[in-house]
Amino acid sequence: MKLNFIRIFFLSMSFLLIPLSHAQAANKTIGIIVFDGFLTGDVTGPIEVLGAAKNQPEFKDYKITLISAHKKLKIKSEEGLPLLAEKTIYDAGKYDVLIVPSAYEMKPYLENKQLIKFIKDHKNATAIASNCSGAYLLAEANILDGKKATTWAGGEKDLQKNYPQVKVQTNINYVVDGNIITSNGGPVSYQAALKLLEMLSSKAFAEKISSSIQFDRISKTY
C-alpha cells in the first residue's frame, strides 16, 4: 500500500510539471532583421531594451530572433560587429513583432524582392518598427502608405520624394502611427525601443526597463 502511494505521488508530480514547463515557454516572437552593413545601434539598441525586458516576468512570453536578409547566417555590421542570425528570410516564417534596421547603402536591400515581400507579409503584425533609413524598406513594402513616419535626421525630404504616399514627419525622434513605429536610429533606437516596449506592455514596465539599463540617466547628461 505504501509503495503504491509513493508511485501515485511521483506520477502526479510528473503530470504537474509538464504543463508548467509548457506555460513558461515563449509564445510571442520578435524578429529583428539583419544584413551586411547594418548600422550597429539600430539592432543593439532594441536587443538591449527588449532583451532586458524578456528576462522579467511581465515580458517572459516573448522571444527575440535575429533574421538574416541573406541566405547566410553570419552577418557583419558597418562598424565591424559580427553577428550570427538564427534564421533567414527564406525560412523564418512570421513574427508577432518585426524590427528593421538601416545601412548607409540601402539600394541592394530595396531591390531585394524576397526581403520586401517578407516585410510586406508582416503588415498585420502586432507591431512593426524601423530605425534610421530602415523606414525606406517599410515604405517600399507599402507598410507606410497613408501613415505618419520618420527616418534619419536629414533624410526626410528624400523619403518624401521617393514615397509621396507616406506622411513624413521632421524634427522628431520617433513617430508612432497605429502598430508602426519609425525612428531616427542611432542612439534614438533605444528611445524608440522603449516606446515599442510600452506599446507591447505598459508605460510603467517600459520605465522600469529604462531604469534597469540606466537609459533614464541620459536625459540628465545633455
C-alpha atoms as a PDB file:
ATOM      1  CA  MET A   1       0.000   0.000   0.000  1.00  0.00           C
ATOM      2  CA  LYS A   2       2.835   2.394   0.907  1.00  0.00           C
ATOM      3  CA  LEU A   3       4.669   1.674  -2.370  1.00  0.00           C
ATOM      4  CA  ASN A   4       1.513   2.336  -4.379  1.00  0.00           C
ATOM      5  CA  PHE A   5       1.069   5.699  -2.642  1.00  0.00           C
ATOM      6  CA  ILE A   6       4.662   6.714  -3.439  1.00  0.00           C
ATOM      7  CA  ARG A   7       4.227   5.659  -7.077  1.00  0.00           C
ATOM      8  CA  ILE A   8       0.994   7.690  -7.410  1.00  0.00           C
ATOM      9  CA  PHE A   9       2.642  10.714  -5.750  1.00  0.00           C
ATOM     10  CA  PHE A  10       5.548  10.798  -8.204  1.00  0.00           C
ATOM     11  CA  LEU A  11       3.273  10.202 -11.200  1.00  0.00           C
ATOM     12  CA  SER A  12       1.088  13.127 -10.149  1.00  0.00           C
ATOM     13  CA  MET A  13       4.128  15.369  -9.701  1.00  0.00           C
ATOM     14  CA  SER A  14       5.397  14.442 -13.176  1.00  0.00           C
ATOM     15  CA  PHE A  15       1.990  15.297 -14.638  1.00  0.00           C
ATOM     16  CA  LEU A  16       2.040  18.723 -12.981  1.00  0.00           C
ATOM     17  CA  LEU A  17       5.500  19.511 -14.301  1.00  0.00           C
ATOM     18  CA  ILE A  18       4.533  19.091 -17.947  1.00  0.00           C
ATOM     19  CA  PRO A  19       2.037  21.974 -18.259  1.00  0.00           C
ATOM     20  CA  LEU A  20       4.208  24.187 -16.028  1.00  0.00           C
ATOM     21  CA  SER A  21       7.168  23.815 -18.373  1.00  0.00           C
ATOM     22  CA  HIS A  22       4.936  24.494 -21.372  1.00  0.00           C
ATOM     23  CA  ALA A  23       3.451  27.597 -19.770  1.00  0.00           C
ATOM     24  CA  GLN A  24       6.892  29.089 -19.244  1.00  0.00           C
ATOM     25  CA  ALA A  25       7.865  28.713 -22.904  1.00  0.00           C
ATOM     26  CA  ALA A  26       7.919  31.884 -25.004  1.00  0.00           C
ATOM     27  CA  ASN A  27       4.964  32.009 -27.379  1.00  0.00           C
ATOM     28  CA  LYS A  28       5.360  35.512 -28.838  1.00  0.00           C
ATOM     29  CA  THR A  29       8.121  36.289 -31.282  1.00  0.00           C
ATOM     30  CA  ILE A  30      10.165  39.396 -32.050  1.00  0.00           C
ATOM     31  CA  GLY A  31      12.102  39.209 -35.296  1.00  0.00           C
ATOM     32  CA  ILE A  32      14.986  41.616 -35.901  1.00  0.00           C
ATOM     33  CA  ILE A  33      16.206  41.713 -39.494  1.00  0.00           C
ATOM     34  CA  VAL A  34      19.966  41.983 -40.003  1.00  0.00           C
ATOM     35  CA  PHE A  35      22.057  42.331 -43.155  1.00  0.00           C
ATOM     36  CA  ASP A  36      25.656  43.089 -44.028  1.00  0.00           C
ATOM     37  CA  GLY A  37      26.460  46.728 -43.341  1.00  0.00           C
ATOM     38  CA  PHE A  38      23.611  47.335 -40.903  1.00  0.00           C
ATOM     39  CA  LEU A  39      24.230  50.203 -38.503  1.00  0.00           C
ATOM     40  CA  THR A  40      25.076  48.617 -35.167  1.00  0.00           C
ATOM     41  CA  GLY A  41      22.938  50.781 -32.869  1.00  0.00           C
ATOM     42  CA  ASP A  42      19.806  50.111 -34.932  1.00  0.00           C
ATOM     43  CA  VAL A  43      19.999  46.487 -33.796  1.00  0.00           C
ATOM     44  CA  THR A  44      21.860  46.507 -30.483  1.00  0.00           C
ATOM     45  CA  GLY A  45      19.539  49.175 -29.036  1.00  0.00           C
ATOM     46  CA  PRO A  46      16.379  47.071 -29.439  1.00  0.00           C
ATOM     47  CA  ILE A  47      18.235  43.932 -28.369  1.00  0.00           C
ATOM     48  CA  GLU A  48      19.386  45.507 -25.099  1.00  0.00           C
ATOM     49  CA  VAL A  49      15.979  47.001 -24.296  1.00  0.00           C
ATOM     50  CA  LEU A  50      13.842  44.013 -25.278  1.00  0.00           C
ATOM     51  CA  GLY A  51      16.419  41.522 -24.038  1.00  0.00           C
ATOM     52  CA  ALA A  52      16.306  43.103 -20.584  1.00  0.00           C
ATOM     53  CA  ALA A  53      12.508  43.073 -20.752  1.00  0.00           C
ATOM     54  CA  LYS A  54      12.138  39.391 -21.648  1.00  0.00           C
ATOM     55  CA  ASN A  55      14.090  38.431 -18.543  1.00  0.00           C
ATOM     56  CA  GLN A  56      11.306  39.918 -16.434  1.00  0.00           C
ATOM     57  CA  PRO A  57       8.061  38.093 -15.557  1.00  0.00           C
ATOM     58  CA  GLU A  58       5.986  40.760 -17.312  1.00  0.00           C
ATOM     59  CA  PHE A  59       7.601  40.010 -20.688  1.00  0.00           C
ATOM     60  CA  LYS A  60       8.633  36.363 -20.393  1.00  0.00           C
ATOM     61  CA  ASP A  61       6.278  35.297 -23.207  1.00  0.00           C
ATOM     62  CA  TYR A  62       8.495  36.973 -25.805  1.00  0.00           C
ATOM     63  CA  LYS A  63      11.448  35.506 -27.693  1.00  0.00           C
ATOM     64  CA  ILE A  64      13.892  37.524 -29.827  1.00  0.00           C
ATOM     65  CA  THR A  65      15.248  36.104 -33.083  1.00  0.00           C
ATOM     66  CA  LEU A  66      17.800  37.613 -35.480  1.00  0.00           C
ATOM     67  CA  ILE A  67      16.747  37.100 -39.100  1.00  0.00           C
ATOM     68  CA  SER A  68      19.296  37.360 -41.899  1.00  0.00           C
ATOM     69  CA  ALA A  69      18.238  39.081 -45.112  1.00  0.00           C
ATOM     70  CA  HIS A  70      20.801  36.870 -46.885  1.00  0.00           C
ATOM     71  CA  LYS A  71      20.937  33.105 -47.351  1.00  0.00           C
ATOM     72  CA  LYS A  72      23.834  33.036 -44.881  1.00  0.00           C
ATOM     73  CA  LEU A  73      23.640  33.384 -41.103  1.00  0.00           C
ATOM     74  CA  LYS A  74      26.932  35.179 -40.452  1.00  0.00           C
ATOM     75  CA  ILE A  75      26.427  38.937 -40.670  1.00  0.00           C
ATOM     76  CA  LYS A  76      28.745  41.890 -40.014  1.00  0.00           C
ATOM     77  CA  SER A  77      27.650  45.429 -39.180  1.00  0.00           C
ATOM     78  CA  GLU A  78      29.006  48.608 -40.759  1.00  0.00           C
ATOM     79  CA  GLU A  79      31.123  49.131 -37.654  1.00  0.00           C
ATOM     80  CA  GLY A  80      32.524  45.595 -37.793  1.00  0.00           C
ATOM     81  CA  LEU A  81      30.343  43.815 -35.224  1.00  0.00           C
ATOM     82  CA  PRO A  82      29.870  40.151 -36.249  1.00  0.00           C
ATOM     83  CA  LEU A  83      26.509  38.516 -35.555  1.00  0.00           C
ATOM     84  CA  LEU A  84      25.150  35.032 -36.069  1.00  0.00           C
ATOM     85  CA  ALA A  85      21.494  35.066 -37.088  1.00  0.00           C
ATOM     86  CA  GLU A  86      19.218  32.150 -36.173  1.00  0.00           C
ATOM     87  CA  LYS A  87      17.004  32.304 -39.262  1.00  0.00           C
ATOM     88  CA  THR A  88      16.936  33.774 -42.738  1.00  0.00           C
ATOM     89  CA  ILE A  89      14.063  35.482 -44.538  1.00  0.00           C
ATOM     90  CA  TYR A  90      13.828  32.299 -46.604  1.00  0.00           C
ATOM     91  CA  ASP A  91      12.907  30.057 -43.662  1.00  0.00           C
ATOM     92  CA  ALA A  92      11.859  32.384 -40.846  1.00  0.00           C
ATOM     93  CA  GLY A  93       8.066  32.272 -41.047  1.00  0.00           C
ATOM     94  CA  LYS A  94       6.036  35.062 -39.430  1.00  0.00           C
ATOM     95  CA  TYR A  95       6.630  37.060 -36.258  1.00  0.00           C
ATOM     96  CA  ASP A  96       4.426  38.991 -33.850  1.00  0.00           C
ATOM     97  CA  VAL A  97       6.842  41.931 -33.922  1.00  0.00           C
ATOM     98  CA  LEU A  98       9.257  42.895 -36.700  1.00  0.00           C
ATOM     99  CA  ILE A  99      12.155  45.370 -36.414  1.00  0.00           C
ATOM    100  CA  VAL A 100      14.030  46.685 -39.458  1.00  0.00           C
ATOM    101  CA  PRO A 101      17.460  48.412 -39.270  1.00  0.00           C
ATOM    102  CA  SER A 102      19.310  50.573 -41.795  1.00  0.00           C
ATOM    103  CA  ALA A 103      22.566  50.739 -43.728  1.00  0.00           C
ATOM    104  CA  TYR A 104      24.496  53.523 -45.419  1.00  0.00           C
ATOM    105  CA  GLU A 105      23.837  51.796 -48.731  1.00  0.00           C
ATOM    106  CA  MET A 106      20.180  50.777 -48.877  1.00  0.00           C
ATOM    107  CA  LYS A 107      19.824  50.167 -52.620  1.00  0.00           C
ATOM    108  CA  PRO A 108      20.699  46.424 -52.566  1.00  0.00           C
ATOM    109  CA  TYR A 109      18.087  45.818 -49.879  1.00  0.00           C
ATOM    110  CA  LEU A 110      15.411  47.950 -51.500  1.00  0.00           C
ATOM    111  CA  GLU A 111      15.931  45.843 -54.627  1.00  0.00           C
ATOM    112  CA  ASN A 112      15.775  42.564 -52.685  1.00  0.00           C
ATOM    113  CA  LYS A 113      12.298  41.333 -53.654  1.00  0.00           C
ATOM    114  CA  GLN A 114      12.332  38.494 -51.110  1.00  0.00           C
ATOM    115  CA  LEU A 115      13.167  40.904 -48.286  1.00  0.00           C
ATOM    116  CA  ILE A 116      10.441  43.351 -49.333  1.00  0.00           C
ATOM    117  CA  LYS A 117       7.936  40.501 -49.549  1.00  0.00           C
ATOM    118  CA  PHE A 118       8.969  39.256 -46.109  1.00  0.00           C
ATOM    119  CA  ILE A 119       8.345  42.712 -44.639  1.00  0.00           C
ATOM    120  CA  LYS A 120       5.075  43.132 -46.530  1.00  0.00           C
ATOM    121  CA  ASP A 121       3.839  39.792 -45.166  1.00  0.00           C
ATOM    122  CA  HIS A 122       4.102  41.306 -41.663  1.00  0.00           C
ATOM    123  CA  LYS A 123       1.777  44.212 -42.386  1.00  0.00           C
ATOM    124  CA  ASN A 124      -0.720  42.947 -39.800  1.00  0.00           C
ATOM    125  CA  ALA A 125       1.854  42.133 -37.116  1.00  0.00           C
ATOM    126  CA  THR A 126       1.236  43.326 -33.577  1.00  0.00           C
ATOM    127  CA  ALA A 127       3.974  45.903 -34.107  1.00  0.00           C
ATOM    128  CA  ILE A 128       6.443  46.878 -36.837  1.00  0.00           C
ATOM    129  CA  ALA A 129       9.432  49.127 -36.189  1.00  0.00           C
ATOM    130  CA  SER A 130      12.221  50.677 -38.220  1.00  0.00           C
ATOM    131  CA  ASN A 131      15.291  52.676 -37.297  1.00  0.00           C
ATOM    132  CA  CYS A 132      17.022  55.266 -39.473  1.00  0.00           C
ATOM    133  CA  SER A 133      16.707  54.515 -43.210  1.00  0.00           C
ATOM    134  CA  GLY A 134      15.017  51.221 -42.391  1.00  0.00           C
ATOM    135  CA  ALA A 135      11.879  53.317 -42.994  1.00  0.00           C
ATOM    136  CA  TYR A 136      12.665  53.113 -46.712  1.00  0.00           C
ATOM    137  CA  LEU A 137      12.238  49.341 -46.544  1.00  0.00           C
ATOM    138  CA  LEU A 138       8.861  49.730 -44.844  1.00  0.00           C
ATOM    139  CA  ALA A 139       7.849  52.290 -47.463  1.00  0.00           C
ATOM    140  CA  GLU A 140       8.998  50.042 -50.314  1.00  0.00           C
ATOM    141  CA  ALA A 141       6.841  47.272 -48.837  1.00  0.00           C
ATOM    142  CA  ASN A 142       3.857  49.692 -48.757  1.00  0.00           C
ATOM    143  CA  ILE A 143       3.719  49.351 -44.964  1.00  0.00           C
ATOM    144  CA  LEU A 144       3.824  53.153 -44.573  1.00  0.00           C
ATOM    145  CA  ASP A 145       1.154  54.027 -47.145  1.00  0.00           C
ATOM    146  CA  GLY A 146      -1.000  56.776 -45.642  1.00  0.00           C
ATOM    147  CA  LYS A 147       0.959  56.574 -42.373  1.00  0.00           C
ATOM    148  CA  LYS A 148       2.954  59.158 -40.457  1.00  0.00           C
ATOM    149  CA  ALA A 149       6.625  58.180 -40.294  1.00  0.00           C
ATOM    150  CA  THR A 150      10.143  59.496 -39.931  1.00  0.00           C
ATOM    151  CA  THR A 151      13.658  58.415 -40.855  1.00  0.00           C
ATOM    152  CA  TRP A 152      17.225  59.566 -40.212  1.00  0.00           C
ATOM    153  CA  ALA A 153      17.549  63.263 -39.430  1.00  0.00           C
ATOM    154  CA  GLY A 154      18.204  64.904 -42.786  1.00  0.00           C
ATOM    155  CA  GLY A 155      16.693  62.115 -44.865  1.00  0.00           C
ATOM    156  CA  GLU A 156      13.068  63.166 -44.528  1.00  0.00           C
ATOM    157  CA  LYS A 157      12.881  65.091 -47.826  1.00  0.00           C
ATOM    158  CA  ASP A 158      14.346  62.193 -49.776  1.00  0.00           C
ATOM    159  CA  LEU A 159      11.924  59.742 -48.163  1.00  0.00           C
ATOM    160  CA  GLN A 160       9.004  62.031 -49.020  1.00  0.00           C
ATOM    161  CA  LYS A 161      10.214  62.465 -52.608  1.00  0.00           C
ATOM    162  CA  ASN A 162      10.603  58.743 -53.222  1.00  0.00           C
ATOM    163  CA  TYR A 163       7.486  57.697 -51.343  1.00  0.00           C
ATOM    164  CA  PRO A 164       4.892  60.508 -51.628  1.00  0.00           C
ATOM    165  CA  GLN A 165       2.211  58.265 -50.120  1.00  0.00           C
ATOM    166  CA  VAL A 166       3.998  58.481 -46.750  1.00  0.00           C
ATOM    167  CA  LYS A 167       3.215  61.347 -44.353  1.00  0.00           C
ATOM    168  CA  VAL A 168       6.833  62.089 -43.487  1.00  0.00           C
ATOM    169  CA  GLN A 169       7.438  63.891 -40.181  1.00  0.00           C
ATOM    170  CA  THR A 170      10.514  66.030 -39.496  1.00  0.00           C
ATOM    171  CA  ASN A 171      12.338  67.199 -36.365  1.00  0.00           C
ATOM    172  CA  ILE A 172      11.030  64.347 -34.245  1.00  0.00           C
ATOM    173  CA  ASN A 173      12.911  61.397 -32.749  1.00  0.00           C
ATOM    174  CA  TYR A 174      10.292  58.759 -33.402  1.00  0.00           C
ATOM    175  CA  VAL A 175       6.771  58.533 -34.778  1.00  0.00           C
ATOM    176  CA  VAL A 176       4.020  56.109 -33.809  1.00  0.00           C
ATOM    177  CA  ASP A 177       1.096  55.523 -36.152  1.00  0.00           C
ATOM    178  CA  GLY A 178      -1.087  52.586 -35.232  1.00  0.00           C
ATOM    179  CA  ASN A 179       1.072  49.465 -34.939  1.00  0.00           C
ATOM    180  CA  ILE A 180       4.055  51.119 -36.638  1.00  0.00           C
ATOM    181  CA  ILE A 181       6.949  52.988 -35.033  1.00  0.00           C
ATOM    182  CA  THR A 182       9.729  54.646 -37.035  1.00  0.00           C
ATOM    183  CA  SER A 183      12.767  56.436 -35.606  1.00  0.00           C
ATOM    184  CA  ASN A 184      15.900  58.426 -36.492  1.00  0.00           C
ATOM    185  CA  GLY A 185      18.057  55.448 -35.496  1.00  0.00           C
ATOM    186  CA  GLY A 186      21.451  55.596 -33.783  1.00  0.00           C
ATOM    187  CA  PRO A 187      21.112  56.345 -30.048  1.00  0.00           C
ATOM    188  CA  VAL A 188      17.445  57.175 -30.672  1.00  0.00           C
ATOM    189  CA  SER A 189      16.985  53.450 -31.332  1.00  0.00           C
ATOM    190  CA  TYR A 190      16.986  52.990 -27.553  1.00  0.00           C
ATOM    191  CA  GLN A 191      14.254  55.566 -27.094  1.00  0.00           C
ATOM    192  CA  ALA A 192      12.198  54.021 -29.891  1.00  0.00           C
ATOM    193  CA  ALA A 193      12.707  50.515 -28.482  1.00  0.00           C
ATOM    194  CA  LEU A 194      11.417  51.663 -25.103  1.00  0.00           C
ATOM    195  CA  LYS A 195       8.362  53.156 -26.800  1.00  0.00           C
ATOM    196  CA  LEU A 196       7.866  49.872 -28.654  1.00  0.00           C
ATOM    197  CA  LEU A 197       8.123  48.054 -25.325  1.00  0.00           C
ATOM    198  CA  GLU A 198       5.479  50.374 -23.900  1.00  0.00           C
ATOM    199  CA  MET A 199       3.219  49.531 -26.868  1.00  0.00           C
ATOM    200  CA  LEU A 200       3.674  45.823 -26.159  1.00  0.00           C
ATOM    201  CA  SER A 201       3.325  46.045 -22.378  1.00  0.00           C
ATOM    202  CA  SER A 202       2.785  49.227 -20.357  1.00  0.00           C
ATOM    203  CA  LYS A 203       4.361  52.621 -19.715  1.00  0.00           C
ATOM    204  CA  ALA A 204       5.245  51.612 -16.164  1.00  0.00           C
ATOM    205  CA  PHE A 205       7.083  48.489 -17.362  1.00  0.00           C
ATOM    206  CA  ALA A 206       8.955  50.439 -20.060  1.00  0.00           C
ATOM    207  CA  GLU A 207      10.050  52.942 -17.408  1.00  0.00           C
ATOM    208  CA  LYS A 208      11.200  50.055 -15.214  1.00  0.00           C
ATOM    209  CA  ILE A 209      13.384  48.683 -18.030  1.00  0.00           C
ATOM    210  CA  SER A 210      14.679  52.173 -18.877  1.00  0.00           C
ATOM    211  CA  SER A 211      15.830  52.487 -15.284  1.00  0.00           C
ATOM    212  CA  SER A 212      17.312  48.980 -15.181  1.00  0.00           C
ATOM    213  CA  ILE A 213      19.592  49.682 -18.187  1.00  0.00           C
ATOM    214  CA  GLN A 214      20.209  53.228 -16.855  1.00  0.00           C
ATOM    215  CA  PHE A 215      18.882  54.835 -20.040  1.00  0.00           C
ATOM    216  CA  ASP A 216      16.822  57.256 -17.959  1.00  0.00           C
ATOM    217  CA  ARG A 217      20.083  58.850 -16.783  1.00  0.00           C
ATOM    218  CA  ILE A 218      20.919  60.043 -20.301  1.00  0.00           C
ATOM    219  CA  SER A 219      18.311  62.816 -20.145  1.00  0.00           C
ATOM    220  CA  LYS A 220      20.324  64.278 -17.241  1.00  0.00           C
ATOM    221  CA  THR A 221      23.567  64.328 -19.223  1.00  0.00           C
ATOM    222  CA  TYR A 222      22.926  66.842 -22.000  1.00  0.00           C
END
